[in-house]
Amino acid sequence: MNARLVDLLKQLRAEADSLPQRLVAPEYIAWKSRVHSTFTKALGPRHPIIDRFLNIQWSGRYGGTAQDWFLSGLGQAVGLINAAIYELEELNAFEDGENDTSVDPELWDHISKLVAAEAWGQVASQTAIFTEDRIRKWTGRPAQEVGERLMTAVFGEQGEYRLGLTTGEKNGWHRFAMGISMALRNADAHRIQDRPDHKRYAMGVVGASSLLLTQLRYEHGNRFHDQSSVSPEPVEPVEED
């Protein structure tokens, strides 16, 4: 997907040189719209590159001719296209390398665009929701089972998918799973958190959730109820009373 988006951005960059230098020209209007649409698809709707693109000043009353203003705006737009291409190409390398081994692959596939867009609140909330969704489907639990009840049914004393070898390990994994569900999911799925360390917090949620999913795969992956590929958009379950 990223390779195709990079190709589209390069094509739009090449088209910039032949645009009529008039703000009312149909070719310019169509080009600008296509750049915005491609940015949104590639980077997510809240990426800083999109904000800067939308705030380009293509005309002005004072200082310079209309052509000067247009060329200045066009130069800024091409610079942002170059920045987007760089980011997508770097992200490709990141996904193909480091994160194939450091984060659960299905979880990363679900949140990678949010990470690229630096939408840290959504990274945290979608990670927590996704983790419950995977655990529920893998272990065959009913859709209405969420939160503490789900984690106890799966990892508790009577659970069919307990983790660890000793009693202490099993209790520890159970409490760890409950912490992810009760502390992280309840906070991130129900309110927007405004904190200066949002990126570090969000990636911590990713790391904790990935660890739980990885251990569940390692110990019980051969008997999961759902062996199919992950759904790109897990449905958020109904909350407990």
C-alpha atoms as a PDB file:
ATOM      1  CA  MET A   1       0.000   0.000   0.000  1.00  0.00           C
ATOM      2  CA  ASN A   2       2.738   2.483   0.949  1.00  0.00           C
ATOM      3  CA  ALA A   3       4.616   1.840  -2.312  1.00  0.00           C
ATOM      4  CA  ARG A   4       1.512   2.688  -4.337  1.00  0.00           C
ATOM      5  CA  LEU A   5       0.943   5.882  -2.340  1.00  0.00           C
ATOM      6  CA  VAL A   6       4.570   6.893  -2.828  1.00  0.00           C
ATOM      7  CA  ASP A   7       4.149   6.426  -6.589  1.00  0.00           C
ATOM      8  CA  LEU A   8       1.035   8.616  -6.560  1.00  0.00           C
ATOM      9  CA  LEU A   9       2.839  11.350  -4.627  1.00  0.00           C
ATOM     10  CA  LYS A  10       5.768  11.256  -7.053  1.00  0.00           C
ATOM     11  CA  GLN A  11       3.333  11.568  -9.951  1.00  0.00           C
ATOM     12  CA  LEU A  12       1.681  14.583  -8.319  1.00  0.00           C
ATOM     13  CA  ARG A  13       5.106  16.137  -7.716  1.00  0.00           C
ATOM     14  CA  ALA A  14       5.956  15.727 -11.398  1.00  0.00           C
ATOM     15  CA  GLU A  15       2.664  17.317 -12.444  1.00  0.00           C
ATOM     16  CA  ALA A  16       3.426  20.446 -10.410  1.00  0.00           C
ATOM     17  CA  ASP A  17       5.830  21.802 -13.039  1.00  0.00           C
ATOM     18  CA  SER A  18       3.164  21.891 -15.747  1.00  0.00           C
ATOM     19  CA  LEU A  19       0.317  23.439 -13.743  1.00  0.00           C
ATOM     20  CA  PRO A  20      -1.201  26.682 -15.061  1.00  0.00           C
ATOM     21  CA  GLN A  21      -0.162  29.461 -12.685  1.00  0.00           C
ATOM     22  CA  ARG A  22      -3.719  30.570 -11.975  1.00  0.00           C
ATOM     23  CA  LEU A  23      -5.751  29.746  -8.853  1.00  0.00           C
ATOM     24  CA  VAL A  24      -8.934  29.384 -10.918  1.00  0.00           C
ATOM     25  CA  ALA A  25      -7.402  26.945 -13.410  1.00  0.00           C
ATOM     26  CA  PRO A  26      -9.265  23.596 -13.347  1.00  0.00           C
ATOM     27  CA  GLU A  27      -5.964  21.712 -13.552  1.00  0.00           C
ATOM     28  CA  TYR A  28      -4.651  23.443 -10.424  1.00  0.00           C
ATOM     29  CA  ILE A  29      -7.878  22.920  -8.491  1.00  0.00           C
ATOM     30  CA  ALA A  30      -7.942  19.209  -9.362  1.00  0.00           C
ATOM     31  CA  TRP A  31      -4.240  18.788  -8.542  1.00  0.00           C
ATOM     32  CA  LYS A  32      -4.561  20.423  -5.147  1.00  0.00           C
ATOM     33  CA  SER A  33      -7.558  18.263  -4.297  1.00  0.00           C
ATOM     34  CA  ARG A  34      -5.741  15.076  -5.327  1.00  0.00           C
ATOM     35  CA  VAL A  35      -2.701  16.013  -3.237  1.00  0.00           C
ATOM     36  CA  HIS A  36      -4.914  16.535  -0.193  1.00  0.00           C
ATOM     37  CA  SER A  37      -6.737  13.243  -0.746  1.00  0.00           C
ATOM     38  CA  THR A  38      -3.472  11.327  -1.178  1.00  0.00           C
ATOM     39  CA  PHE A  39      -1.961  12.922   1.935  1.00  0.00           C
ATOM     40  CA  THR A  40      -5.040  11.925   3.942  1.00  0.00           C
ATOM     41  CA  LYS A  41      -4.974   8.349   2.669  1.00  0.00           C
ATOM     42  CA  ALA A  42      -1.240   7.974   3.221  1.00  0.00           C
ATOM     43  CA  LEU A  43      -0.745   9.800   6.514  1.00  0.00           C
ATOM     44  CA  GLY A  44      -4.131   9.959   8.229  1.00  0.00           C
ATOM     45  CA  PRO A  45      -6.405  13.023   8.518  1.00  0.00           C
ATOM     46  CA  ARG A  46      -4.583  14.690  11.430  1.00  0.00           C
ATOM     47  CA  HIS A  47      -0.989  14.558  10.272  1.00  0.00           C
ATOM     48  CA  PRO A  48       1.015  17.825  10.600  1.00  0.00           C
ATOM     49  CA  ILE A  49       1.934  17.705   6.911  1.00  0.00           C
ATOM     50  CA  ILE A  50      -1.750  18.019   6.012  1.00  0.00           C
ATOM     51  CA  ASP A  51      -2.199  20.978   8.368  1.00  0.00           C
ATOM     52  CA  ARG A  52       0.745  22.756   6.765  1.00  0.00           C
ATOM     53  CA  PHE A  53      -0.565  21.976   3.268  1.00  0.00           C
ATOM     54  CA  LEU A  54      -3.993  23.423   4.074  1.00  0.00           C
ATOM     55  CA  ASN A  55      -2.378  26.564   5.500  1.00  0.00           C
ATOM     56  CA  ILE A  56      -0.247  27.373   2.439  1.00  0.00           C
ATOM     57  CA  GLN A  57      -0.903  30.941   1.321  1.00  0.00           C
ATOM     58  CA  TRP A  58      -1.252  30.906  -2.442  1.00  0.00           C
ATOM     59  CA  SER A  59      -2.080  34.579  -2.877  1.00  0.00           C
ATOM     60  CA  GLY A  60      -1.645  37.885  -1.043  1.00  0.00           C
ATOM     61  CA  ARG A  61      -2.470  41.548  -1.278  1.00  0.00           C
ATOM     62  CA  TYR A  62       0.932  42.999  -0.537  1.00  0.00           C
ATOM     63  CA  GLY A  63       4.443  42.262  -1.753  1.00  0.00           C
ATOM     64  CA  GLY A  64       5.030  40.362  -4.958  1.00  0.00           C
ATOM     65  CA  THR A  65       2.936  39.511  -7.975  1.00  0.00           C
ATOM     66  CA  ALA A  66       0.202  36.899  -8.208  1.00  0.00           C
ATOM     67  CA  GLN A  67       2.702  34.671  -9.991  1.00  0.00           C
ATOM     68  CA  ASP A  68       5.227  35.112  -7.164  1.00  0.00           C
ATOM     69  CA  TRP A  69       2.647  34.053  -4.593  1.00  0.00           C
ATOM     70  CA  PHE A  70       1.562  31.081  -6.680  1.00  0.00           C
ATOM     71  CA  LEU A  71       5.108  29.827  -7.203  1.00  0.00           C
ATOM     72  CA  SER A  72       5.865  30.240  -3.501  1.00  0.00           C
ATOM     73  CA  GLY A  73       2.800  28.176  -2.595  1.00  0.00           C
ATOM     74  CA  LEU A  74       3.651  25.571  -5.184  1.00  0.00           C
ATOM     75  CA  GLY A  75       7.203  25.284  -3.845  1.00  0.00           C
ATOM     76  CA  GLN A  76       5.877  24.733  -0.319  1.00  0.00           C
ATOM     77  CA  ALA A  77       3.429  22.096  -1.566  1.00  0.00           C
ATOM     78  CA  VAL A  78       6.179  20.213  -3.420  1.00  0.00           C
ATOM     79  CA  GLY A  79       8.342  20.366  -0.298  1.00  0.00           C
ATOM     80  CA  LEU A  80       5.534  18.784   1.731  1.00  0.00           C
ATOM     81  CA  ILE A  81       5.097  16.093  -0.916  1.00  0.00           C
ATOM     82  CA  ASN A  82       8.806  15.317  -0.578  1.00  0.00           C
ATOM     83  CA  ALA A  83       8.433  15.127   3.206  1.00  0.00           C
ATOM     84  CA  ALA A  84       5.490  12.727   2.875  1.00  0.00           C
ATOM     85  CA  ILE A  85       7.407  10.512   0.443  1.00  0.00           C
ATOM     86  CA  TYR A  86      10.343  10.370   2.845  1.00  0.00           C
ATOM     87  CA  GLU A  87       8.102   9.450   5.744  1.00  0.00           C
ATOM     88  CA  LEU A  88       6.330   6.696   3.834  1.00  0.00           C
ATOM     89  CA  GLU A  89       9.569   5.210   2.564  1.00  0.00           C
ATOM     90  CA  GLU A  90      11.078   5.264   6.054  1.00  0.00           C
ATOM     91  CA  LEU A  91       7.911   3.717   7.475  1.00  0.00           C
ATOM     92  CA  ASN A  92       8.134   0.926   4.919  1.00  0.00           C
ATOM     93  CA  ALA A  93      11.638   0.118   6.094  1.00  0.00           C
ATOM     94  CA  PHE A  94      10.521   0.299   9.721  1.00  0.00           C
ATOM     95  CA  GLU A  95       7.609  -2.066   9.175  1.00  0.00           C
ATOM     96  CA  ASP A  96       9.699  -4.522   7.173  1.00  0.00           C
ATOM     97  CA  GLY A  97      12.436  -4.585   9.794  1.00  0.00           C
ATOM     98  CA  GLU A  98      12.181  -3.696  13.444  1.00  0.00           C
ATOM     99  CA  ASN A  99       8.465  -4.012  14.075  1.00  0.00           C
ATOM    100  CA  ASP A 100       8.111  -7.415  12.440  1.00  0.00           C
ATOM    101  CA  THR A 101       9.797  -8.798  15.551  1.00  0.00           C
ATOM    102  CA  SER A 102       9.192  -6.222  18.275  1.00  0.00           C
ATOM    103  CA  VAL A 103       5.388  -5.826  18.096  1.00  0.00           C
ATOM    104  CA  ASP A 104       2.701  -8.450  17.510  1.00  0.00           C
ATOM    105  CA  PRO A 105       2.305  -8.371  13.687  1.00  0.00           C
ATOM    106  CA  GLU A 106      -1.497  -8.242  13.627  1.00  0.00           C
ATOM    107  CA  LEU A 107      -1.569  -5.507  16.261  1.00  0.00           C
ATOM    108  CA  TRP A 108       1.003  -3.488  14.304  1.00  0.00           C
ATOM    109  CA  ASP A 109      -0.977  -3.906  11.095  1.00  0.00           C
ATOM    110  CA  HIS A 110      -3.998  -2.455  12.899  1.00  0.00           C
ATOM    111  CA  ILE A 111      -2.275   0.608  14.403  1.00  0.00           C
ATOM    112  CA  SER A 112       0.634   1.386  12.042  1.00  0.00           C
ATOM    113  CA  LYS A 113      -1.181   4.203  10.221  1.00  0.00           C
ATOM    114  CA  LEU A 114      -2.155   5.786  13.522  1.00  0.00           C
ATOM    115  CA  VAL A 115       1.473   5.617  14.646  1.00  0.00           C
ATOM    116  CA  ALA A 116       2.585   7.210  11.370  1.00  0.00           C
ATOM    117  CA  ALA A 117       0.029   9.987  11.885  1.00  0.00           C
ATOM    118  CA  GLU A 118       1.183  10.431  15.501  1.00  0.00           C
ATOM    119  CA  ALA A 119      -2.415  10.012  16.671  1.00  0.00           C
ATOM    120  CA  TRP A 120      -1.297   8.778  20.066  1.00  0.00           C
ATOM    121  CA  GLY A 121      -4.715   8.831  21.725  1.00  0.00           C
ATOM    122  CA  GLN A 122      -6.105   6.584  19.014  1.00  0.00           C
ATOM    123  CA  VAL A 123      -3.010   4.360  19.144  1.00  0.00           C
ATOM    124  CA  ALA A 124      -3.656   3.695  22.838  1.00  0.00           C
ATOM    125  CA  SER A 125      -7.419   3.223  22.589  1.00  0.00           C
ATOM    126  CA  GLN A 126      -7.331   1.052  19.451  1.00  0.00           C
ATOM    127  CA  THR A 127      -4.562  -1.098  20.918  1.00  0.00           C
ATOM    128  CA  ALA A 128      -6.596  -1.800  24.052  1.00  0.00           C
ATOM    129  CA  ILE A 129      -9.789  -2.514  22.089  1.00  0.00           C
ATOM    130  CA  PHE A 130      -7.925  -4.678  19.573  1.00  0.00           C
ATOM    131  CA  THR A 131      -6.285  -6.730  22.352  1.00  0.00           C
ATOM    132  CA  GLU A 132      -9.627  -7.642  23.927  1.00  0.00           C
ATOM    133  CA  ASP A 133     -11.067  -8.418  20.512  1.00  0.00           C
ATOM    134  CA  ARG A 134      -8.219 -10.804  19.646  1.00  0.00           C
ATOM    135  CA  ILE A 135      -8.350 -12.556  23.015  1.00  0.00           C
ATOM    136  CA  ARG A 136     -12.107 -13.007  22.760  1.00  0.00           C
ATOM    137  CA  LYS A 137     -11.983 -14.433  19.218  1.00  0.00           C
ATOM    138  CA  TRP A 138      -8.917 -16.613  19.761  1.00  0.00           C
ATOM    139  CA  THR A 139     -10.384 -18.219  22.871  1.00  0.00           C
ATOM    140  CA  GLY A 140     -13.967 -18.490  21.624  1.00  0.00           C
ATOM    141  CA  ARG A 141     -15.514 -16.294  24.317  1.00  0.00           C
ATOM    142  CA  PRO A 142     -18.933 -14.652  23.747  1.00  0.00           C
ATOM    143  CA  ALA A 143     -19.109 -11.112  22.393  1.00  0.00           C
ATOM    144  CA  GLN A 144     -20.771  -9.715  25.516  1.00  0.00           C
ATOM    145  CA  GLU A 145     -17.872 -10.824  27.697  1.00  0.00           C
ATOM    146  CA  VAL A 146     -15.544  -7.839  28.271  1.00  0.00           C
ATOM    147  CA  GLY A 147     -13.117  -6.394  30.746  1.00  0.00           C
ATOM    148  CA  GLU A 148     -12.476  -8.167  34.028  1.00  0.00           C
ATOM    149  CA  ARG A 149     -14.989 -10.887  33.239  1.00  0.00           C
ATOM    150  CA  LEU A 150     -13.272 -11.758  29.956  1.00  0.00           C
ATOM    151  CA  MET A 151      -9.767 -11.793  31.405  1.00  0.00           C
ATOM    152  CA  THR A 152     -10.859 -13.970  34.323  1.00  0.00           C
ATOM    153  CA  ALA A 153     -12.695 -16.398  32.046  1.00  0.00           C
ATOM    154  CA  VAL A 154      -9.572 -16.765  29.869  1.00  0.00           C
ATOM    155  CA  PHE A 155      -6.664 -16.439  32.316  1.00  0.00           C
ATOM    156  CA  GLY A 156      -8.220 -16.984  35.766  1.00  0.00           C
ATOM    157  CA  GLU A 157      -8.117 -20.109  37.929  1.00  0.00           C
ATOM    158  CA  GLN A 158     -10.813 -21.819  35.866  1.00  0.00           C
ATOM    159  CA  GLY A 159      -9.617 -20.434  32.526  1.00  0.00           C
ATOM    160  CA  GLU A 160      -8.771 -22.726  29.632  1.00  0.00           C
ATOM    161  CA  TYR A 161      -5.894 -20.511  28.460  1.00  0.00           C
ATOM    162  CA  ARG A 162      -3.866 -19.880  31.610  1.00  0.00           C
ATOM    163  CA  LEU A 163      -0.345 -18.599  30.999  1.00  0.00           C
ATOM    164  CA  GLY A 164       2.856 -19.645  32.736  1.00  0.00           C
ATOM    165  CA  LEU A 165       3.985 -22.822  34.486  1.00  0.00           C
ATOM    166  CA  THR A 166       3.843 -22.145  38.213  1.00  0.00           C
ATOM    167  CA  THR A 167       0.922 -20.868  40.265  1.00  0.00           C
ATOM    168  CA  GLY A 168       2.711 -17.554  40.749  1.00  0.00           C
ATOM    169  CA  GLU A 169       3.270 -17.102  37.006  1.00  0.00           C
ATOM    170  CA  LYS A 170      -0.338 -17.977  36.211  1.00  0.00           C
ATOM    171  CA  ASN A 171      -1.658 -15.501  38.765  1.00  0.00           C
ATOM    172  CA  GLY A 172       0.777 -12.872  37.507  1.00  0.00           C
ATOM    173  CA  TRP A 173      -0.340 -13.209  33.884  1.00  0.00           C
ATOM    174  CA  HIS A 174      -3.971 -13.079  34.975  1.00  0.00           C
ATOM    175  CA  ARG A 175      -3.406  -9.846  36.887  1.00  0.00           C
ATOM    176  CA  PHE A 176      -1.360  -8.432  34.025  1.00  0.00           C
ATOM    177  CA  ALA A 177      -4.223  -9.096  31.595  1.00  0.00           C
ATOM    178  CA  MET A 178      -6.730  -7.540  33.993  1.00  0.00           C
ATOM    179  CA  GLY A 179      -4.507  -4.481  34.327  1.00  0.00           C
ATOM    180  CA  ILE A 180      -4.421  -3.990  30.567  1.00  0.00           C
ATOM    181  CA  SER A 181      -8.177  -4.320  30.332  1.00  0.00           C
ATOM    182  CA  MET A 182      -9.260  -2.408  33.433  1.00  0.00           C
ATOM    183  CA  ALA A 183      -6.623   0.324  33.693  1.00  0.00           C
ATOM    184  CA  LEU A 184      -5.592   0.950  30.096  1.00  0.00           C
ATOM    185  CA  ARG A 185      -8.717   0.138  28.122  1.00  0.00           C
ATOM    186  CA  ASN A 186     -11.095   1.880  30.532  1.00  0.00           C
ATOM    187  CA  ALA A 187      -8.986   5.028  30.419  1.00  0.00           C
ATOM    188  CA  ASP A 188      -8.224   5.180  26.706  1.00  0.00           C
ATOM    189  CA  ALA A 189     -11.499   3.944  25.249  1.00  0.00           C
ATOM    190  CA  HIS A 190     -13.696   6.259  27.299  1.00  0.00           C
ATOM    191  CA  ARG A 191     -11.913   9.615  27.355  1.00  0.00           C
ATOM    192  CA  ILE A 192      -9.283  11.626  25.514  1.00  0.00           C
ATOM    193  CA  GLN A 193      -6.121  11.936  27.567  1.00  0.00           C
ATOM    194  CA  ASP A 194      -4.124  15.136  27.282  1.00  0.00           C
ATOM    195  CA  ARG A 195      -0.620  14.539  28.615  1.00  0.00           C
ATOM    196  CA  PRO A 196       2.856  15.731  27.628  1.00  0.00           C
ATOM    197  CA  ASP A 197       4.210  12.179  27.352  1.00  0.00           C
ATOM    198  CA  HIS A 198       1.400  10.887  25.176  1.00  0.00           C
ATOM    199  CA  LYS A 199       3.675   9.178  22.642  1.00  0.00           C
ATOM    200  CA  ARG A 200       5.643   7.331  25.322  1.00  0.00           C
ATOM    201  CA  TYR A 201       2.433   6.332  27.084  1.00  0.00           C
ATOM    202  CA  ALA A 202       0.778   5.099  23.877  1.00  0.00           C
ATOM    203  CA  MET A 203       3.777   3.007  22.873  1.00  0.00           C
ATOM    204  CA  GLY A 204       3.835   1.590  26.403  1.00  0.00           C
ATOM    205  CA  VAL A 205       0.249   0.441  25.899  1.00  0.00           C
ATOM    206  CA  VAL A 206       1.326  -1.142  22.604  1.00  0.00           C
ATOM    207  CA  GLY A 207       4.240  -2.911  24.282  1.00  0.00           C
ATOM    208  CA  ALA A 208       2.188  -4.289  27.172  1.00  0.00           C
ATOM    209  CA  SER A 209      -0.601  -5.489  24.897  1.00  0.00           C
ATOM    210  CA  SER A 210       1.850  -7.010  22.421  1.00  0.00           C
ATOM    211  CA  LEU A 211       3.522  -8.937  25.246  1.00  0.00           C
ATOM    212  CA  LEU A 212       0.209 -10.450  26.347  1.00  0.00           C
ATOM    213  CA  LEU A 213      -0.784 -11.408  22.788  1.00  0.00           C
ATOM    214  CA  THR A 214       2.678 -12.838  22.103  1.00  0.00           C
ATOM    215  CA  GLN A 215       2.585 -15.040  25.205  1.00  0.00           C
ATOM    216  CA  LEU A 216      -0.924 -16.240  24.381  1.00  0.00           C
ATOM    217  CA  ARG A 217       0.189 -17.167  20.867  1.00  0.00           C
ATOM    218  CA  TYR A 218       3.297 -18.908  22.197  1.00  0.00           C
ATOM    219  CA  GLU A 219       1.483 -21.104  24.721  1.00  0.00           C
ATOM    220  CA  HIS A 220      -1.864 -21.742  23.037  1.00  0.00           C
ATOM    221  CA  GLY A 221      -1.663 -20.644  19.392  1.00  0.00           C
ATOM    222  CA  ASN A 222      -2.138 -24.202  18.131  1.00  0.00           C
ATOM    223  CA  ARG A 223      -5.646 -24.401  19.583  1.00  0.00           C
ATOM    224  CA  PHE A 224      -7.145 -21.000  18.876  1.00  0.00           C
ATOM    225  CA  HIS A 225     -10.805 -21.009  17.867  1.00  0.00           C
ATOM    226  CA  ASP A 226     -10.204 -18.302  15.251  1.00  0.00           C
ATOM    227  CA  GLN A 227      -7.236 -19.055  12.993  1.00  0.00           C
ATOM    228  CA  SER A 228      -8.215 -16.555  10.291  1.00  0.00           C
ATOM    229  CA  SER A 229      -6.444 -13.312   9.450  1.00  0.00           C
ATOM    230  CA  VAL A 230      -7.169 -10.389  11.695  1.00  0.00           C
ATOM    231  CA  SER A 231     -10.070  -8.121  10.807  1.00  0.00           C
ATOM    232  CA  PRO A 232      -8.776  -4.605   9.981  1.00  0.00           C
ATOM    233  CA  GLU A 233     -11.415  -2.969  12.148  1.00  0.00           C
ATOM    234  CA  PRO A 234     -12.468  -5.021  15.204  1.00  0.00           C
ATOM    235  CA  VAL A 235     -15.908  -4.109  16.458  1.00  0.00           C
ATOM    236  CA  GLU A 236     -15.822  -2.520  19.895  1.00  0.00           C
ATOM    237  CA  PRO A 237     -17.857  -4.704  22.306  1.00  0.00           C
ATOM    238  CA  VAL A 238     -20.754  -3.500  24.421  1.00  0.00           C
ATOM    239  CA  GLU A 239     -19.528  -2.177  27.765  1.00  0.00           C
ATOM    240  CA  GLU A 240     -20.267  -3.851  31.085  1.00  0.00           C
ATOM    241  CA  ASP A 241     -22.670  -2.151  33.439  1.00  0.00           C
END
